[in-house]
Structures are given as C-alpha cells and as structure tokens.
C-alpha cells in the first residue's frame, strides 16, 4: 500500500507500507504521472522503511512509466529521495537498478529526516523558497514527534 501526501506541495511524501498489488501499482503510477503533468517544480520523497520489495512485474511497470514521463519529470522533479534503512532492501534496490537502470536517479538516504534536510537544500538551490520552508517545517514536526514518542511521520 502507498500513502501519498500532497498537502505539503511542492514537497510530496510517499510512504510505502507492506506490499502492493498490481492494481494498486497501476493507481500509483497514474498518481505519479498526474504529479509530473502538473508541470510545476516539486520534490518527492519515497519512504520504503516499512515495505516489502516490489514484484518483478511491478518493477517493469514502474520502469515503463519512468521511460514515458522522463522528459517532463527531468524538467519539473527537482529532487527525488528514497528512504531505505535496511541493508537487505538497499542491496535488492542496487541489484534491480543494475539489471534495469532507472531513468530517474533518486538519492538514497537512511532516514526521513535526512531526506527532508536534503530536500530543503535542493529547493533553495532551485530558487524555490516556499518548498524549502515546507521541508524545514515538516522536519521540525518530524523531530518533535520523535521526541514525544511518535513512531510515524508527523503528517497525516
């Protein structure tokens, strides 16, 4: 299952939880295409810390979607971060990327906090101060929820 949080636009947080069916994957790809087709600068953060790997057919569906939207995505997606905190998941992603390289090159990070910090800097580099402010506000919320015992993301 995927959870999309577009309420922080131009920052898009995507959390993948457990596993995904092929039907869910089709809806996810439609959502990703819709985000790209907004033709507005944005950064996406995908959190894989609580998920299972995609199936082979789902990886192929994702690769096909990335190939179809690559030109527009390169113009408007100003940053793409993937949060992976498992060495096994990191290895699986590396092998998959080697066998079928992605047209998108996300930066791997080990925590949502790290992704938000990098997103804020990337927004600044892209001259998008609103995005930097959104990322830093979300980072503060995340840190506050962790201090107060919250295990999940601070948004919802």
Protein backbone atom coordinates (compact mmCIF):
# COMPACT_ATOMS: atom_id res chain seq x y z
CA UNK A 1 0.00 0.00 0.00
CA UNK A 2 1.18 3.53 -0.80
CA UNK A 3 0.21 6.71 1.03
CA UNK A 4 0.62 9.95 -0.94
CA UNK A 5 0.78 13.22 0.97
CA UNK A 6 0.45 16.09 -1.48
CA UNK A 7 -0.72 18.53 1.22
CA UNK A 8 2.87 19.80 1.52
CA UNK A 9 3.19 20.73 -2.17
CA UNK A 10 5.76 21.32 -3.65
CA UNK A 11 7.05 18.58 -1.36
CA UNK A 12 5.41 15.21 -1.97
CA UNK A 13 5.84 12.50 0.65
CA UNK A 14 5.12 8.95 -0.43
CA UNK A 15 5.14 6.15 2.09
CA UNK A 16 5.10 2.53 1.01
CA UNK A 17 3.76 0.17 3.66
CA UNK A 18 3.91 -3.63 3.44
CA UNK A 19 3.26 -4.92 -0.09
CA UNK A 20 1.46 -3.66 -3.18
CA UNK A 21 -0.92 -5.40 -5.58
CA UNK A 22 -0.63 -4.88 -9.33
CA UNK A 23 -3.93 -2.96 -9.28
CA UNK A 24 -2.57 -0.63 -6.58
CA UNK A 25 0.60 -0.22 -8.62
CA UNK A 26 -1.42 0.95 -11.62
CA UNK A 27 -3.15 3.59 -9.46
CA UNK A 28 0.22 4.66 -8.03
CA UNK A 29 1.67 5.12 -11.50
CA UNK A 30 -1.37 7.20 -12.50
CA UNK A 31 -0.80 9.41 -9.45
CA UNK A 32 2.91 9.80 -10.23
CA UNK A 33 2.06 10.73 -13.82
CA UNK A 34 -0.52 13.26 -12.60
CA UNK A 35 2.11 14.86 -10.33
CA UNK A 36 4.54 15.19 -13.22
CA UNK A 37 1.85 16.54 -15.51
CA UNK A 38 1.11 19.40 -13.10
CA UNK A 39 4.20 20.91 -14.73
CA UNK A 40 5.23 22.64 -11.52
CA UNK A 41 8.56 22.19 -9.76
CA UNK A 42 8.42 19.68 -6.90
CA UNK A 43 10.50 17.23 -4.88
CA UNK A 44 9.37 13.75 -3.96
CA UNK A 45 10.44 11.65 -1.01
CA UNK A 46 9.57 7.95 -1.03
CA UNK A 47 9.80 6.17 2.32
CA UNK A 48 10.45 2.43 1.92
CA UNK A 49 11.32 1.80 5.58
CA UNK A 50 8.16 -0.25 6.24
CA UNK A 51 7.71 -2.01 2.93
CA UNK A 52 8.35 -5.21 1.07
CA UNK A 53 10.08 -5.25 -2.31
CA UNK A 54 8.11 -4.67 -5.49
CA UNK A 55 7.45 -7.73 -7.64
CA UNK A 56 9.24 -8.14 -10.96
CA UNK A 57 6.12 -7.14 -12.92
CA UNK A 58 5.68 -4.04 -10.73
CA UNK A 59 9.30 -3.01 -11.26
CA UNK A 60 8.73 -3.35 -15.01
CA UNK A 61 5.53 -1.27 -14.79
CA UNK A 62 7.45 1.43 -12.91
CA UNK A 63 10.31 1.38 -15.42
CA UNK A 64 7.87 1.76 -18.33
CA UNK A 65 6.16 4.70 -16.63
CA UNK A 66 9.52 6.35 -15.94
CA UNK A 67 10.53 5.99 -19.59
CA UNK A 68 7.25 7.54 -20.75
CA UNK A 69 7.48 10.55 -18.43
CA UNK A 70 11.25 11.03 -18.28
CA UNK A 71 11.47 14.28 -20.26
CA UNK A 72 8.79 16.11 -18.27
CA UNK A 73 9.95 14.57 -14.96
CA UNK A 74 13.51 15.82 -15.52
CA UNK A 75 12.21 19.31 -16.06
CA UNK A 76 9.87 19.53 -13.04
CA UNK A 77 11.05 16.99 -10.46
CA UNK A 78 13.81 18.95 -8.73
CA UNK A 79 14.74 16.16 -6.34
CA UNK A 80 13.89 12.53 -5.67
CA UNK A 81 14.87 10.87 -2.40
CA UNK A 82 14.33 7.25 -1.41
CA UNK A 83 14.45 6.40 2.29
CA UNK A 84 15.84 2.90 2.83
CA UNK A 85 17.06 1.83 6.26
CA UNK A 86 17.57 -1.88 5.60
CA UNK A 87 20.84 -3.24 4.18
CA UNK A 88 18.86 -6.05 2.51
CA UNK A 89 16.48 -3.60 0.83
CA UNK A 90 19.43 -1.45 -0.24
CA UNK A 91 21.09 -4.47 -1.84
CA UNK A 92 17.87 -5.52 -3.60
CA UNK A 93 17.43 -2.00 -4.98
CA UNK A 94 21.06 -1.89 -6.14
CA UNK A 95 20.73 -5.21 -7.96
CA UNK A 96 17.46 -4.14 -9.58
CA UNK A 97 18.98 -0.82 -10.66
CA UNK A 98 21.97 -2.61 -12.16
CA UNK A 99 19.82 -5.08 -14.12
CA UNK A 100 17.39 -2.41 -15.32
CA UNK A 101 18.72 1.10 -14.76
CA UNK A 102 16.11 3.70 -13.94
CA UNK A 103 15.64 6.83 -16.00
CA UNK A 104 15.23 8.59 -12.65
CA UNK A 105 18.17 8.61 -10.28
CA UNK A 106 16.90 9.02 -6.75
CA UNK A 107 19.28 9.78 -3.94
CA UNK A 108 19.21 7.07 -1.27
CA UNK A 109 19.04 8.25 2.32
CA UNK A 110 18.70 6.33 5.57
CA UNK A 111 16.01 8.43 7.28
CA UNK A 112 13.07 10.67 6.52
CA UNK A 113 14.82 13.46 8.44
CA UNK A 114 17.84 13.21 6.15
CA UNK A 115 15.57 13.32 3.08
CA UNK A 116 13.79 16.43 4.38
CA UNK A 117 17.09 18.18 5.12
CA UNK A 118 18.36 17.44 1.61
CA UNK A 119 15.03 18.46 0.08
CA UNK A 120 15.20 21.85 1.81
CA UNK A 121 18.68 22.45 0.39
CA UNK A 122 17.63 21.28 -3.07
CA UNK A 123 14.62 23.64 -3.02
CA UNK A 124 16.96 26.51 -2.15
CA UNK A 125 19.32 25.57 -4.99
CA UNK A 126 16.33 25.57 -7.36
CA UNK A 127 15.28 29.04 -6.10
CA UNK A 128 12.08 27.65 -4.56
CA UNK A 129 12.00 29.20 -1.07
CA UNK A 130 8.43 28.05 -0.35
CA UNK A 131 9.49 24.44 -0.85
CA UNK A 132 12.49 24.91 1.45
CA UNK A 133 10.24 26.36 4.12
CA UNK A 134 7.76 23.47 3.78
CA UNK A 135 10.54 20.87 4.03
CA UNK A 136 12.06 22.52 7.12
CA UNK A 137 8.66 22.84 8.81
CA UNK A 138 7.96 19.16 8.16
CA UNK A 139 11.42 18.27 9.50
CA UNK A 140 10.68 20.18 12.72
CA UNK A 141 7.34 18.36 13.06
CA UNK A 142 9.03 15.02 12.50
CA UNK A 143 11.71 15.71 15.12
CA UNK A 144 9.10 16.95 17.61
CA UNK A 145 7.01 13.80 17.14
CA UNK A 146 10.09 11.63 17.68
CA UNK A 147 10.94 13.49 20.90
CA UNK A 148 7.37 12.98 22.14
CA UNK A 149 7.38 9.26 21.37
CA UNK A 150 5.72 9.24 17.95
CA UNK A 151 6.97 6.42 15.76
CA UNK A 152 5.45 7.51 12.46
CA UNK A 153 5.58 10.54 10.21
CA UNK A 154 4.42 13.80 11.74
CA UNK A 155 1.97 14.46 8.92
CA UNK A 156 -1.22 12.69 8.21
